[in-house]
Amino acid sequence: MFSYYLRLALTSMRRTPVLSGLMVLALGLGIGAFMTTFSVYYLMSGDPIPHKSSVLFAVQLDNWDPNDPPTESAADVQPQLTFRDGDHLMHADTPATRQVHMYGSGAVVVPEGDEPPFEENIRATWHTFFQMFDVPFLYGQAWDRHDDDDRASIAVIGRELNDKLFSGENSVGRSIQLDDNFYQIAGVIDDWQPMPRFYHPDFSRAFADTAQIFIPMTRAIDKQMSPWGNTNCWKAPDKDLPPFEGFLKSECIWTQFWAELETAEQVAAYKDYLDNYVREQKRIGRFERPLNTFVSNVMEWMEVNQVVRDDNRVLVRLSFLFLLVCVLNTVGLLMAKFMGKGGEVALRRAMGASRQAVFSQNLVEVALIGVVGGVVGSGFAWLGLRAVENLYRGYQHLVHLDPAMLLTTILLAALAAILAGMYPVWRVSRLAPARLLKTQLGRP
């Protein structure tokens, strides 16, 4: 019976191509606009590391200017740490399962052949980074604790850089030149693009590519590699010290710190440790603000740093309202279409078709219009995402329709069409056949 109704629906749509086309276009425009904004919102607000997001915690210590307004929540505290605080925690016996201290830097990569040198981002970190964040490896592995302690000239590079420098071959054991220094390659990371890049708090570039080079933080400090990222100071470094040493010992914040805490008890114990550390620092004249320490898991951290901005939510709401307008227009078009074929309905009823059969037949046609509208809407969504890609270069990882979102687009269009068609279909199925047949025959 369904196939029969489907053939009737196709015949009906071919008989009224302009009206059917307008309905498909209206649904397609509404669905396309909504899915464009919703796709970006969905990918921006998604969990970047769902299997571990509840056990990875960003650390915040409130050591800012004591004259600033009081702290009310983690959102009021600077998202980074000073080097001296992070370095202390990294070497301390804390309750954490693992910890990592890091910062973003960069260098000029000098290829082996005739290719020109180019700049590349670097993440200076510890060996624990790769295990904490489940970084996949294509070749080799991460360096170990001894390499951190020895300040080794060792590096892990990304697959993209490996393809560029070594044509995708296994480069483990080979060397890469960064500025004037050579680093031995320990491993090559496979494709790894957590979205957003939650471990670094520069959320203005949260959806940019991850760094292609990772080196021990101890080595980066030895080479006095300056941070490439946000650096904030409320107090100038000590001018009596050499510049880089004074910077390391200053109250400037520029490093990131994460802890892996597997249980609620571990979280509480770690929080107590941070509180006690701040109390100790207060006794030597640091941390002049009231005691405020925070640990936030990945999803809390994204909320604290407002990864999904209010304007993204507003755009989703506006596009949903536009979709509602398109659905209401479709209701009017469906009423015109179905009421215009009252004679056909009357004839079917006179030949024995029940109201339920008429209702089902027309509902299939409405659903078909919705599916076609969903396909058209997917095309409009693709065009919208391409526009987002061209306007916002840092959002290239957010401008795709994965199979789940594509299926959602089509199902949403079908559902919208069915909801829009319920009343017109119900109206036409309730028409009295005798009166319609008299009208068709020209009788009073």
Protein backbone atom coordinates (compact mmCIF):
# COMPACT_ATOMS: atom_id res chain seq x y z
CA MET A 1 0.00 0.00 0.00
CA PHE A 2 2.86 2.35 0.80
CA SER A 3 4.37 1.94 -2.68
CA TYR A 4 0.95 2.71 -4.18
CA TYR A 5 0.66 5.87 -2.09
CA LEU A 6 4.19 6.80 -3.12
CA ARG A 7 3.32 6.51 -6.81
CA LEU A 8 0.23 8.67 -6.25
CA ALA A 9 2.40 11.24 -4.45
CA LEU A 10 4.88 11.40 -7.34
CA THR A 11 2.03 11.79 -9.82
CA SER A 12 0.49 14.57 -7.74
CA MET A 13 3.81 16.42 -7.49
CA ARG A 14 4.37 16.19 -11.25
CA ARG A 15 0.85 17.51 -11.84
CA THR A 16 1.55 20.65 -9.78
CA PRO A 17 5.27 21.27 -10.34
CA VAL A 18 5.25 24.98 -9.47
CA LEU A 19 3.38 24.57 -6.19
CA SER A 20 5.39 21.49 -5.22
CA GLY A 21 8.62 23.26 -6.13
CA LEU A 22 7.73 26.24 -3.96
CA MET A 23 7.10 23.97 -0.99
CA VAL A 24 10.40 22.13 -1.53
CA LEU A 25 12.24 25.45 -1.85
CA ALA A 26 10.64 26.90 1.28
CA LEU A 27 11.53 23.84 3.34
CA GLY A 28 15.00 23.67 1.80
CA LEU A 29 15.81 27.29 2.63
CA GLY A 30 14.58 26.94 6.21
CA ILE A 31 16.36 23.65 6.82
CA GLY A 32 19.54 24.86 5.11
CA ALA A 33 19.78 28.03 7.23
CA PHE A 34 19.04 26.18 10.44
CA MET A 35 21.45 23.30 9.78
CA THR A 36 24.26 25.69 8.83
CA THR A 37 24.15 27.47 12.19
CA PHE A 38 23.28 24.33 14.14
CA SER A 39 26.16 22.32 12.61
CA VAL A 40 28.68 24.95 13.69
CA TYR A 41 27.09 25.19 17.15
CA TYR A 42 26.95 21.39 17.50
CA LEU A 43 30.62 20.91 16.63
CA MET A 44 31.73 23.87 18.75
CA SER A 45 29.92 22.64 21.84
CA GLY A 46 30.77 18.95 21.42
CA ASP A 47 32.96 17.03 23.84
CA PRO A 48 36.48 17.05 22.32
CA ILE A 49 37.64 14.01 24.32
CA PRO A 50 34.44 12.25 25.49
CA HIS A 51 36.07 9.17 27.03
CA LYS A 52 38.27 11.26 29.36
CA SER A 53 36.68 14.68 29.66
CA SER A 54 35.42 13.93 33.18
CA VAL A 55 38.90 13.11 34.55
CA LEU A 56 41.00 15.86 32.95
CA PHE A 57 41.08 19.10 34.93
CA ALA A 58 42.46 22.55 34.12
CA VAL A 59 44.15 24.23 37.09
CA GLN A 60 43.67 27.88 38.03
CA LEU A 61 45.39 29.82 40.83
CA ASP A 62 44.25 33.36 41.62
CA ASN A 63 47.53 35.29 41.84
CA TRP A 64 46.40 38.39 39.99
CA ASP A 65 46.44 42.06 40.94
CA PRO A 66 45.01 42.46 44.48
CA ASN A 67 43.36 45.73 43.43
CA ASP A 68 41.14 44.01 40.88
CA PRO A 69 37.49 43.17 41.71
CA PRO A 70 36.93 40.12 43.93
CA THR A 71 36.71 36.66 42.42
CA GLU A 72 33.27 35.07 42.25
CA SER A 73 33.87 32.09 39.97
CA ALA A 74 36.47 30.38 37.80
CA ALA A 75 35.49 32.73 34.96
CA ASP A 76 36.97 35.64 36.98
CA VAL A 77 40.39 33.97 37.34
CA GLN A 78 43.16 34.11 34.76
CA PRO A 79 43.18 30.83 32.79
CA GLN A 80 46.96 30.39 32.83
CA LEU A 81 49.68 30.01 35.46
CA THR A 82 53.04 31.57 36.06
CA PHE A 83 55.99 29.40 35.11
CA ARG A 84 57.19 29.16 38.71
CA ASP A 85 53.81 27.85 39.97
CA GLY A 86 53.43 25.33 37.16
CA ASP A 87 57.02 24.17 37.54
CA HIS A 88 56.52 23.64 41.29
CA LEU A 89 53.35 21.61 40.78
CA MET A 90 55.00 19.53 38.05
CA HIS A 91 57.78 18.47 40.40
CA ALA A 92 55.61 18.14 43.51
CA ASP A 93 54.14 14.95 44.95
CA THR A 94 50.49 15.82 44.31
CA PRO A 95 47.47 13.48 44.49
CA ALA A 96 47.06 13.58 40.69
CA THR A 97 47.41 10.43 38.60
CA ARG A 98 49.25 12.48 36.00
CA GLN A 99 50.02 16.15 35.42
CA VAL A 100 51.27 18.21 32.53
CA HIS A 101 52.77 21.68 32.27
CA MET A 102 53.08 23.33 28.86
CA TYR A 103 53.05 26.43 26.71
CA GLY A 104 52.87 27.33 23.03
CA SER A 105 55.93 28.55 21.17
CA GLY A 106 57.34 28.37 17.66
CA ALA A 107 60.43 28.18 15.51
CA VAL A 108 61.65 28.24 11.94
CA VAL A 109 61.81 24.76 10.39
CA VAL A 110 64.74 24.28 8.02
CA PRO A 111 64.07 21.41 5.57
CA GLU A 112 66.89 19.10 4.50
CA GLY A 113 66.55 19.79 0.78
CA ASP A 114 66.12 22.95 -1.24
CA GLU A 115 62.73 23.83 0.19
CA PRO A 116 62.59 27.27 1.84
CA PRO A 117 62.43 27.49 5.66
CA PHE A 118 59.05 28.12 7.24
CA GLU A 119 57.61 28.90 10.66
CA GLU A 120 55.80 26.24 12.64
CA ASN A 121 53.98 26.22 15.97
CA ILE A 122 55.55 24.26 18.80
CA ARG A 123 54.03 22.89 21.99
CA ALA A 124 56.61 22.75 24.74
CA THR A 125 55.35 20.15 27.18
CA TRP A 126 56.12 17.01 29.21
CA HIS A 127 55.96 13.36 28.23
CA THR A 128 52.70 12.98 30.17
CA PHE A 129 50.87 15.14 27.60
CA PHE A 130 50.53 12.32 25.11
CA GLN A 131 49.14 9.76 27.52
CA MET A 132 46.83 12.19 29.29
CA PHE A 133 45.23 13.39 26.07
CA ASP A 134 45.31 10.01 24.28
CA VAL A 135 47.39 11.29 21.38
CA PRO A 136 47.55 8.59 18.64
CA PHE A 137 50.89 7.71 17.05
CA LEU A 138 51.55 6.75 13.45
CA TYR A 139 55.23 5.96 14.02
CA GLY A 140 57.34 5.69 17.15
CA GLN A 141 56.23 7.02 20.52
CA ALA A 142 56.54 9.91 22.95
CA TRP A 143 59.74 10.65 24.82
CA ASP A 144 59.99 9.56 28.47
CA ARG A 145 60.60 11.15 31.87
CA HIS A 146 64.37 10.78 31.51
CA ASP A 147 64.29 12.92 28.37
CA ASP A 148 62.38 15.60 30.30
CA ASP A 149 64.89 15.49 33.14
CA ASP A 150 67.87 15.48 30.75
CA ARG A 151 66.46 18.38 28.71
CA ALA A 152 66.94 16.23 25.63
CA SER A 153 66.93 17.56 22.08
CA ILE A 154 64.05 15.34 21.06
CA ALA A 155 60.78 15.98 19.27
CA VAL A 156 57.46 14.49 18.28
CA ILE A 157 56.03 15.80 15.02
CA GLY A 158 52.61 15.70 13.40
CA ARG A 159 51.61 13.66 10.38
CA GLU A 160 51.14 16.75 8.23
CA LEU A 161 54.67 17.96 8.91
CA ASN A 162 56.05 14.45 8.42
CA ASP A 163 54.37 14.31 5.00
CA LYS A 164 55.86 17.69 4.12
CA LEU A 165 59.42 16.99 5.27
CA PHE A 166 59.79 13.24 4.77
CA SER A 167 57.11 12.37 2.17
CA GLY A 168 55.16 10.41 4.78
CA GLU A 169 57.95 7.92 5.49
CA ASN A 170 58.80 6.66 8.97
CA SER A 171 61.04 9.48 10.19
CA VAL A 172 61.71 8.12 13.69
CA GLY A 173 65.41 8.52 14.46
CA ARG A 174 65.94 11.25 11.89
CA SER A 175 66.56 14.89 12.76
CA ILE A 176 64.59 18.08 12.30
CA GLN A 177 66.21 21.52 12.40
CA LEU A 178 64.39 24.17 14.41
CA ASP A 179 66.11 27.55 14.16
CA ASP A 180 69.79 26.68 14.70
CA ASN A 181 69.20 23.49 16.68
CA PHE A 182 68.63 19.86 15.71
CA TYR A 183 66.11 17.58 17.40
CA GLN A 184 65.88 13.83 17.01
CA ILE A 185 62.39 12.61 16.09
CA ALA A 186 60.97 10.16 18.62
CA GLY A 187 57.52 9.74 17.13
CA VAL A 188 55.02 10.89 14.52
CA ILE A 189 51.47 11.70 15.61
CA ASP A 190 48.63 10.36 13.50
CA ASP A 191 45.72 12.64 12.54
CA TRP A 192 44.73 14.37 15.80
CA GLN A 193 42.51 17.44 15.85
CA PRO A 194 40.49 17.70 19.10
CA MET A 195 37.81 20.30 18.53
CA PRO A 196 37.96 22.65 20.28
CA ARG A 197 41.63 22.69 21.21
CA PHE A 198 40.62 22.60 24.85
CA TYR A 199 44.06 22.23 26.45
CA HIS A 200 45.13 25.72 25.38
CA PRO A 201 43.05 28.65 26.69
CA ASP A 202 43.47 30.93 23.68
CA PHE A 203 39.87 30.27 22.66
CA SER A 204 39.94 32.96 20.01
CA ARG A 205 41.78 30.27 18.04
CA ALA A 206 40.15 27.27 19.67
CA PHE A 207 39.42 25.63 16.33
CA ALA A 208 42.78 26.16 14.68
CA ASP A 209 45.10 23.28 13.79
CA THR A 210 47.02 21.64 16.59
CA ALA A 211 50.77 22.20 16.76
CA GLN A 212 52.89 20.06 14.46
CA ILE A 213 55.92 19.96 16.75
CA PHE A 214 56.18 18.91 20.41
CA ILE A 215 59.40 19.18 22.41
CA PRO A 216 60.27 18.82 26.11
CA MET A 217 59.37 21.96 28.03
CA THR A 218 62.66 21.71 29.89
CA ARG A 219 64.51 21.91 26.58
CA ALA A 220 62.44 24.87 25.42
CA ILE A 221 63.23 26.74 28.64
CA ASP A 222 66.92 25.96 28.25
CA LYS A 223 66.79 27.45 24.76
CA GLN A 224 64.85 30.45 26.06
CA MET A 225 62.03 29.89 23.61
CA SER A 226 59.53 32.67 24.17
CA PRO A 227 55.78 31.98 24.35
CA TRP A 228 53.67 32.38 21.21
CA GLY A 229 50.38 33.20 22.80
CA ASN A 230 48.73 35.23 25.52
CA THR A 231 51.13 36.56 28.13
CA ASN A 232 49.72 38.79 30.87
CA CYS A 233 51.60 40.52 33.68
CA TRP A 234 50.21 42.63 36.47
CA LYS A 235 53.67 43.20 37.91
CA ALA A 236 56.87 43.82 35.92
CA PRO A 237 59.63 41.17 36.10
CA ASP A 238 62.63 41.83 38.32
CA LYS A 239 65.00 44.07 36.35
CA ASP A 240 68.00 42.98 38.45
CA LEU A 241 67.83 39.51 36.86
CA PRO A 242 68.72 38.55 33.30
CA PRO A 243 65.60 39.13 31.13
CA PHE A 244 64.54 35.51 30.57
CA GLU A 245 65.33 34.45 34.13
CA GLY A 246 63.37 37.42 35.45
CA PHE A 247 60.48 36.45 33.17
CA LEU A 248 60.48 32.87 34.53
CA LYS A 249 60.44 34.10 38.13
CA SER A 250 57.87 36.84 37.51
CA GLU A 251 54.13 36.97 38.17
CA CYS A 252 53.47 36.88 34.42
CA ILE A 253 51.03 34.15 33.43
CA TRP A 254 51.68 32.26 30.18
CA THR A 255 51.71 28.52 30.84
CA GLN A 256 48.93 25.94 31.04
CA PHE A 257 48.55 23.19 33.61
CA TRP A 258 46.32 20.10 33.59
CA ALA A 259 45.84 17.27 36.06
CA GLU A 260 44.30 13.84 35.60
CA LEU A 261 42.04 13.06 38.57
CA GLU A 262 40.07 9.82 38.39
CA THR A 263 37.77 10.02 41.43
CA ALA A 264 35.84 12.64 43.37
CA GLU A 265 38.09 11.95 46.37
CA GLN A 266 41.15 12.60 44.24
CA VAL A 267 39.66 15.88 43.01
CA ALA A 268 39.00 16.99 46.60
CA ALA A 269 42.51 15.97 47.72
CA TYR A 270 44.09 17.81 44.79
CA LYS A 271 42.05 20.91 45.55
CA ASP A 272 43.25 20.78 49.16
CA TYR A 273 46.83 20.49 47.94
CA LEU A 274 46.42 23.61 45.79
CA ASP A 275 44.88 25.53 48.68
CA ASN A 276 47.78 24.59 50.96
CA TYR A 277 50.30 25.56 48.29
CA VAL A 278 48.71 29.00 47.92
CA ARG A 279 48.74 29.46 51.72
CA GLU A 280 52.47 28.72 51.74
CA GLN A 281 53.04 31.26 48.99
CA LYS A 282 51.02 33.85 50.88
CA ARG A 283 53.47 33.57 53.75
CA ILE A 284 56.31 34.70 51.48
CA GLY A 285 54.34 37.65 50.12
CA ARG A 286 52.72 36.20 46.98
CA PHE A 287 49.03 35.60 46.17
CA GLU A 288 47.76 38.79 47.76
CA ARG A 289 44.16 38.14 46.77
CA PRO A 290 41.75 36.00 48.83
CA LEU A 291 42.29 32.25 48.50
CA ASN A 292 40.74 31.03 45.26
CA THR A 293 41.82 27.86 43.44
CA PHE A 294 39.80 26.08 40.79
CA VAL A 295 39.95 22.77 38.97
CA SER A 296 37.55 22.41 36.02
CA ASN A 297 36.99 19.35 33.89
CA VAL A 298 36.98 19.68 30.11
CA MET A 299 33.32 20.57 29.62
CA GLU A 300 33.34 22.94 32.62
CA TRP A 301 36.51 24.51 31.24
CA MET A 302 34.84 25.16 27.90
CA GLU A 303 31.95 26.81 29.69
CA VAL A 304 34.28 28.91 31.87
CA ASN A 305 36.07 30.19 28.77
CA GLN A 306 32.85 30.61 26.76
CA VAL A 307 33.99 28.54 23.79
CA VAL A 308 30.43 28.73 22.48
CA ARG A 309 29.77 32.47 22.44
CA ASP A 310 26.38 34.04 22.96
CA ASP A 311 26.22 35.20 19.34
CA ASN A 312 26.39 31.56 18.18
CA ARG A 313 23.37 30.72 20.33
CA VAL A 314 21.51 33.77 19.02
CA LEU A 315 22.18 32.72 15.43
CA VAL A 316 20.80 29.24 16.11
CA ARG A 317 17.63 30.73 17.62
CA LEU A 318 17.18 33.15 14.70
CA SER A 319 17.67 30.41 12.13
CA PHE A 320 15.12 28.26 13.98
CA LEU A 321 12.62 31.13 13.80
CA PHE A 322 13.32 31.41 10.07
CA LEU A 323 12.63 27.68 9.77
CA LEU A 324 9.29 28.18 11.53
CA VAL A 325 8.38 30.93 9.06
CA CYS A 326 9.21 28.59 6.18
CA VAL A 327 7.09 25.83 7.75
CA LEU A 328 4.13 28.22 8.14
CA ASN A 329 4.47 29.21 4.48
CA THR A 330 4.48 25.53 3.60
CA VAL A 331 1.22 25.08 5.55
CA GLY A 332 -0.43 27.71 3.35
CA LEU A 333 0.90 26.14 0.17
CA LEU A 334 -0.25 22.68 1.27
CA MET A 335 -3.73 24.02 2.03
CA ALA A 336 -3.90 25.47 -1.49
CA LYS A 337 -2.63 22.24 -3.03
CA PHE A 338 -4.90 19.82 -1.17
CA MET A 339 -8.06 21.91 -1.25
CA GLY A 340 -7.50 22.29 -4.98
CA LYS A 341 -7.79 18.55 -5.54
CA GLY A 342 -11.05 18.17 -3.61
CA GLY A 343 -12.73 16.56 -6.63
CA GLU A 344 -10.13 13.79 -6.71
CA VAL A 345 -10.61 13.19 -3.00
CA ALA A 346 -14.41 13.09 -3.43
CA LEU A 347 -14.11 10.54 -6.21
CA ARG A 348 -11.88 8.30 -4.13
CA ARG A 349 -14.25 8.56 -1.18
CA ALA A 350 -17.25 7.77 -3.41
CA MET A 351 -15.44 4.65 -4.65
CA GLY A 352 -15.05 3.40 -1.11
CA ALA A 353 -11.83 4.92 0.21
CA SER A 354 -11.98 5.66 3.94
CA ARG A 355 -10.99 8.92 5.58
CA GLN A 356 -8.00 7.09 7.04
CA ALA A 357 -6.89 5.98 3.58
CA VAL A 358 -7.19 9.53 2.21
CA PHE A 359 -5.30 10.86 5.22
CA SER A 360 -2.50 8.30 4.81
CA GLN A 361 -2.19 8.88 1.07
CA ASN A 362 -1.78 12.62 1.41
CA LEU A 363 0.52 12.28 4.40
CA VAL A 364 2.87 10.17 2.28
CA GLU A 365 2.92 12.97 -0.29
CA VAL A 366 3.73 15.48 2.44
CA ALA A 367 6.56 13.28 3.73
CA LEU A 368 7.95 12.93 0.20
CA ILE A 369 7.95 16.71 -0.18
CA GLY A 370 9.79 16.88 3.14
CA VAL A 371 12.46 14.37 2.07
CA VAL A 372 13.07 16.23 -1.20
CA GLY A 373 13.16 19.48 0.79
CA GLY A 374 15.72 17.88 3.11
CA VAL A 375 17.97 16.96 0.19
CA VAL A 376 17.69 20.51 -1.15
CA GLY A 377 18.25 21.84 2.37
CA SER A 378 21.46 19.76 2.65
CA GLY A 379 22.71 21.51 -0.46
CA PHE A 380 21.90 24.91 1.01
CA ALA A 381 23.59 23.88 4.29
CA TRP A 382 26.71 22.84 2.36
CA LEU A 383 26.79 26.23 0.64
CA GLY A 384 26.29 27.97 3.99
CA LEU A 385 29.16 26.06 5.56
CA ARG A 386 31.41 26.93 2.63
CA ALA A 387 30.55 30.59 3.26
CA VAL A 388 31.49 30.17 6.94
CA GLU A 389 34.78 28.59 5.86
CA ASN A 390 35.61 31.53 3.61
CA LEU A 391 34.63 34.14 6.18
CA TYR A 392 36.29 32.52 9.22
CA ARG A 393 39.48 30.74 8.31
CA GLY A 394 39.95 29.38 11.85
CA TYR A 395 36.68 27.43 11.60
CA GLN A 396 37.69 25.03 8.82
CA HIS A 397 37.17 22.03 11.12
CA LEU A 398 33.58 23.06 11.81
CA VAL A 399 32.31 23.40 8.28
CA HIS A 400 31.36 19.92 7.25
CA LEU A 401 28.21 17.83 7.28
CA ASP A 402 29.08 14.41 8.66
CA PRO A 403 26.74 11.47 7.84
CA ALA A 404 24.88 11.89 11.14
CA MET A 405 24.20 15.58 10.48
CA LEU A 406 23.20 14.85 6.87
CA LEU A 407 20.69 12.23 8.03
CA THR A 408 19.45 14.64 10.69
CA THR A 409 18.90 17.30 8.01
CA ILE A 410 16.72 15.03 5.89
CA LEU A 411 14.77 13.66 8.88
CA LEU A 412 14.22 17.16 10.24
CA ALA A 413 12.88 18.31 6.88
CA ALA A 414 10.54 15.31 6.67
CA LEU A 415 9.33 15.94 10.23
CA ALA A 416 8.82 19.66 9.52
CA ALA A 417 6.83 18.82 6.39
CA ILE A 418 4.67 16.29 8.23
CA LEU A 419 3.95 18.76 11.02
CA ALA A 420 3.15 21.44 8.44
CA GLY A 421 0.89 19.06 6.54
CA MET A 422 -1.08 17.56 9.43
CA TYR A 423 -3.79 20.21 9.39
CA PRO A 424 -4.19 20.48 5.58
CA VAL A 425 -4.26 16.67 5.27
CA TRP A 426 -6.79 16.39 8.08
CA ARG A 427 -8.97 19.08 6.44
CA VAL A 428 -9.01 17.40 3.06
CA SER A 429 -9.75 13.99 4.57
CA ARG A 430 -12.81 15.44 6.34
CA LEU A 431 -14.39 16.91 3.22
CA ALA A 432 -17.92 15.61 2.43
CA PRO A 433 -17.71 13.68 -0.89
CA ALA A 434 -21.36 14.17 -1.88
CA ARG A 435 -21.17 17.95 -1.81
CA LEU A 436 -17.89 17.96 -3.73
CA LEU A 437 -19.25 15.65 -6.42
CA LYS A 438 -22.30 17.89 -6.89
CA THR A 439 -20.00 20.88 -7.23
CA GLN A 440 -17.88 19.06 -9.81
CA LEU A 441 -21.03 18.17 -11.81
CA GLY A 442 -22.26 21.78 -11.74
CA ARG A 443 -25.42 21.06 -9.67
CA PRO A 444 -26.81 23.49 -7.08
